[in-house]
């Protein structure tokens, strides 16, 4: 397995990466809610957000992005 030659650009600009980071934050928030159990925050709220954002990440992985292709098109 090798990194893409333009991996830094992909890391900065790819929507799939941004959505995966957001899903990670939602997942961590769900764990925090389960541990500290703050009042008014229902169980599963952040897990649902993480699931939705993960779907966006997978879909965006399949879409071409102008920011990553320069003037190819």
N, C-alpha and C. Protein backbone atom coordinates (compact mmCIF):
# COMPACT_ATOMS: atom_id res chain seq x y z
N UNK A 1 0.85 -1.16 0.00
CA UNK A 1 0.00 0.00 0.00
C UNK A 1 0.90 1.24 0.00
N UNK A 2 0.56 2.21 -0.86
CA UNK A 2 1.33 3.45 -0.94
C UNK A 2 0.39 4.65 -0.86
N UNK A 3 0.93 5.74 -0.37
CA UNK A 3 0.16 6.98 -0.34
C UNK A 3 0.06 7.58 -1.73
N UNK A 4 -1.01 8.31 -1.96
CA UNK A 4 -1.13 9.05 -3.20
C UNK A 4 -0.04 10.11 -3.26
N UNK A 5 0.44 10.44 -4.45
CA UNK A 5 1.45 11.50 -4.54
C UNK A 5 0.93 12.84 -3.98
N UNK A 6 -0.36 13.10 -4.14
CA UNK A 6 -0.94 14.36 -3.68
C UNK A 6 -1.73 14.18 -2.39
N UNK A 7 -1.26 13.34 -1.49
CA UNK A 7 -1.99 13.01 -0.28
C UNK A 7 -2.26 14.22 0.60
N UNK A 8 -1.36 15.18 0.63
CA UNK A 8 -1.58 16.39 1.45
C UNK A 8 -2.77 17.19 0.94
N UNK A 9 -2.89 17.30 -0.37
CA UNK A 9 -4.02 18.01 -0.96
C UNK A 9 -5.32 17.27 -0.67
N UNK A 10 -5.31 15.96 -0.80
CA UNK A 10 -6.51 15.16 -0.51
C UNK A 10 -6.90 15.33 0.96
N UNK A 11 -5.93 15.29 1.84
CA UNK A 11 -6.21 15.43 3.27
C UNK A 11 -6.83 16.79 3.59
N UNK A 12 -6.39 17.84 2.92
CA UNK A 12 -6.90 19.19 3.17
C UNK A 12 -8.24 19.47 2.49
N UNK A 13 -8.47 18.91 1.30
CA UNK A 13 -9.60 19.35 0.49
C UNK A 13 -10.71 18.33 0.27
N UNK A 14 -10.46 17.07 0.47
CA UNK A 14 -11.46 16.05 0.16
C UNK A 14 -12.62 16.08 1.17
N UNK A 15 -13.83 16.15 0.64
CA UNK A 15 -15.01 16.16 1.50
C UNK A 15 -15.15 14.86 2.27
N UNK A 16 -14.72 13.74 1.71
CA UNK A 16 -14.83 12.47 2.43
C UNK A 16 -14.00 12.51 3.71
N UNK A 17 -12.84 13.14 3.66
CA UNK A 17 -12.00 13.26 4.86
C UNK A 17 -12.70 14.17 5.88
N UNK A 18 -13.25 15.28 5.42
CA UNK A 18 -13.93 16.20 6.33
C UNK A 18 -15.13 15.53 7.00
N UNK A 19 -15.90 14.77 6.22
CA UNK A 19 -17.05 14.07 6.79
C UNK A 19 -16.60 12.99 7.78
N UNK A 20 -15.51 12.30 7.49
CA UNK A 20 -15.01 11.29 8.42
C UNK A 20 -14.54 11.90 9.73
N UNK A 21 -13.93 13.07 9.66
CA UNK A 21 -13.52 13.77 10.89
C UNK A 21 -14.77 14.15 11.69
N UNK A 22 -15.80 14.65 11.01
CA UNK A 22 -17.04 15.00 11.70
C UNK A 22 -17.68 13.77 12.34
N UNK A 23 -17.67 12.64 11.63
CA UNK A 23 -18.23 11.41 12.19
C UNK A 23 -17.46 10.98 13.44
N UNK A 24 -16.16 11.17 13.42
CA UNK A 24 -15.33 10.84 14.58
C UNK A 24 -15.69 11.72 15.77
N UNK A 25 -15.91 13.01 15.52
CA UNK A 25 -16.30 13.93 16.59
C UNK A 25 -17.66 13.53 17.16
N UNK A 26 -18.62 13.22 16.29
CA UNK A 26 -19.93 12.77 16.76
C UNK A 26 -19.81 11.47 17.58
N UNK A 27 -18.99 10.55 17.12
CA UNK A 27 -18.79 9.30 17.85
C UNK A 27 -18.19 9.54 19.23
N UNK A 28 -17.20 10.43 19.30
CA UNK A 28 -16.59 10.76 20.59
C UNK A 28 -17.59 11.45 21.50
N UNK A 29 -18.45 12.30 20.93
CA UNK A 29 -19.49 12.97 21.73
C UNK A 29 -20.47 11.94 22.29
N UNK A 30 -20.79 10.93 21.50
CA UNK A 30 -21.71 9.89 21.98
C UNK A 30 -21.10 9.13 23.16
N UNK A 31 -19.82 8.85 23.08
CA UNK A 31 -19.13 8.17 24.19
C UNK A 31 -19.15 9.07 25.43
N UNK A 32 -18.87 10.36 25.24
CA UNK A 32 -18.88 11.29 26.36
C UNK A 32 -20.26 11.37 27.01
N UNK A 33 -21.30 11.40 26.19
CA UNK A 33 -22.67 11.44 26.73
C UNK A 33 -22.95 10.17 27.52
N UNK A 34 -22.51 9.02 27.03
CA UNK A 34 -22.74 7.76 27.74
C UNK A 34 -22.00 7.73 29.09
N UNK A 35 -20.83 8.35 29.13
CA UNK A 35 -20.05 8.34 30.38
C UNK A 35 -20.60 9.33 31.39
N UNK A 36 -20.82 10.59 30.96
CA UNK A 36 -21.21 11.64 31.89
C UNK A 36 -22.72 11.81 32.04
N UNK A 37 -23.50 11.31 31.13
CA UNK A 37 -24.96 11.36 31.17
C UNK A 37 -25.51 12.74 31.54
N UNK A 38 -25.21 13.77 30.72
CA UNK A 38 -25.75 15.10 31.02
C UNK A 38 -27.28 15.12 30.83
N UNK A 39 -27.92 15.93 31.63
CA UNK A 39 -29.39 16.03 31.56
C UNK A 39 -29.81 16.65 30.24
N UNK A 40 -30.86 16.13 29.66
CA UNK A 40 -31.43 16.70 28.46
C UNK A 40 -30.83 16.21 27.15
N UNK A 41 -29.82 15.36 27.21
CA UNK A 41 -29.21 14.82 25.99
C UNK A 41 -29.61 13.35 25.87
N UNK A 42 -30.48 13.04 24.92
CA UNK A 42 -30.95 11.65 24.79
C UNK A 42 -29.85 10.73 24.27
N UNK A 43 -29.88 9.48 24.75
CA UNK A 43 -28.93 8.48 24.25
C UNK A 43 -29.14 8.25 22.76
N UNK A 44 -28.07 8.13 22.03
CA UNK A 44 -28.15 7.83 20.61
C UNK A 44 -28.21 9.05 19.71
N UNK A 45 -28.33 10.24 20.28
CA UNK A 45 -28.45 11.43 19.45
C UNK A 45 -27.19 11.64 18.60
N UNK A 46 -26.03 11.58 19.22
CA UNK A 46 -24.78 11.78 18.48
C UNK A 46 -24.43 10.56 17.63
N UNK A 47 -24.85 9.38 18.04
CA UNK A 47 -24.63 8.19 17.23
C UNK A 47 -25.39 8.30 15.91
N UNK A 48 -26.60 8.82 15.98
CA UNK A 48 -27.38 9.04 14.76
C UNK A 48 -26.70 10.06 13.85
N UNK A 49 -26.16 11.11 14.43
CA UNK A 49 -25.42 12.10 13.64
C UNK A 49 -24.19 11.50 13.01
N UNK A 50 -23.47 10.67 13.76
CA UNK A 50 -22.28 10.01 13.22
C UNK A 50 -22.64 9.10 12.06
N UNK A 51 -23.75 8.39 12.18
CA UNK A 51 -24.18 7.49 11.11
C UNK A 51 -24.53 8.28 9.85
N UNK A 52 -25.25 9.38 10.02
CA UNK A 52 -25.64 10.20 8.87
C UNK A 52 -24.41 10.80 8.18
N UNK A 53 -23.49 11.32 8.96
CA UNK A 53 -22.28 11.92 8.39
C UNK A 53 -21.42 10.85 7.71
N UNK A 54 -21.40 9.65 8.26
CA UNK A 54 -20.65 8.55 7.63
C UNK A 54 -21.21 8.21 6.25
N UNK A 55 -22.52 8.28 6.12
CA UNK A 55 -23.15 8.05 4.81
C UNK A 55 -22.67 9.12 3.83
N UNK A 56 -22.67 10.39 4.26
CA UNK A 56 -22.18 11.47 3.41
C UNK A 56 -20.72 11.24 3.02
N UNK A 57 -19.92 10.75 3.96
CA UNK A 57 -18.50 10.49 3.68
C UNK A 57 -18.35 9.44 2.58
N UNK A 58 -19.14 8.38 2.67
CA UNK A 58 -19.06 7.32 1.66
C UNK A 58 -19.53 7.80 0.30
N UNK A 59 -20.59 8.57 0.27
CA UNK A 59 -21.09 9.09 -1.01
C UNK A 59 -20.08 10.08 -1.60
N UNK A 60 -19.55 10.97 -0.77
CA UNK A 60 -18.62 11.97 -1.29
C UNK A 60 -17.32 11.34 -1.78
N UNK A 61 -17.00 10.18 -1.27
CA UNK A 61 -15.79 9.47 -1.73
C UNK A 61 -15.91 9.08 -3.20
N UNK A 62 -17.12 8.89 -3.67
CA UNK A 62 -17.35 8.47 -5.04
C UNK A 62 -17.50 9.63 -6.03
N UNK A 63 -17.68 10.84 -5.51
CA UNK A 63 -17.90 12.01 -6.36
C UNK A 63 -16.59 12.71 -6.71
N UNK A 64 -16.47 13.17 -7.94
CA UNK A 64 -15.29 13.94 -8.35
C UNK A 64 -15.40 15.34 -7.77
N UNK A 65 -14.27 15.87 -7.33
CA UNK A 65 -14.23 17.21 -6.79
C UNK A 65 -13.27 18.07 -7.61
N UNK A 66 -13.75 19.22 -8.03
CA UNK A 66 -12.92 20.12 -8.83
C UNK A 66 -11.64 20.52 -8.10
N UNK A 67 -11.73 20.70 -6.78
CA UNK A 67 -10.59 21.14 -6.00
C UNK A 67 -9.44 20.12 -6.04
N UNK A 68 -9.75 18.88 -6.29
CA UNK A 68 -8.74 17.84 -6.28
C UNK A 68 -8.21 17.52 -7.67
N UNK A 69 -8.89 18.00 -8.71
CA UNK A 69 -8.48 17.66 -10.07
C UNK A 69 -7.92 18.83 -10.84
N UNK A 70 -7.87 20.00 -10.24
CA UNK A 70 -7.34 21.16 -10.93
C UNK A 70 -8.16 21.50 -12.15
N UNK A 71 -7.52 21.65 -13.29
CA UNK A 71 -8.19 22.01 -14.55
C UNK A 71 -8.29 20.83 -15.50
N UNK A 72 -8.43 19.62 -14.97
CA UNK A 72 -8.53 18.43 -15.82
C UNK A 72 -9.75 18.45 -16.71
N UNK A 73 -10.84 19.06 -16.23
CA UNK A 73 -12.11 18.96 -16.96
C UNK A 73 -12.44 20.22 -17.68
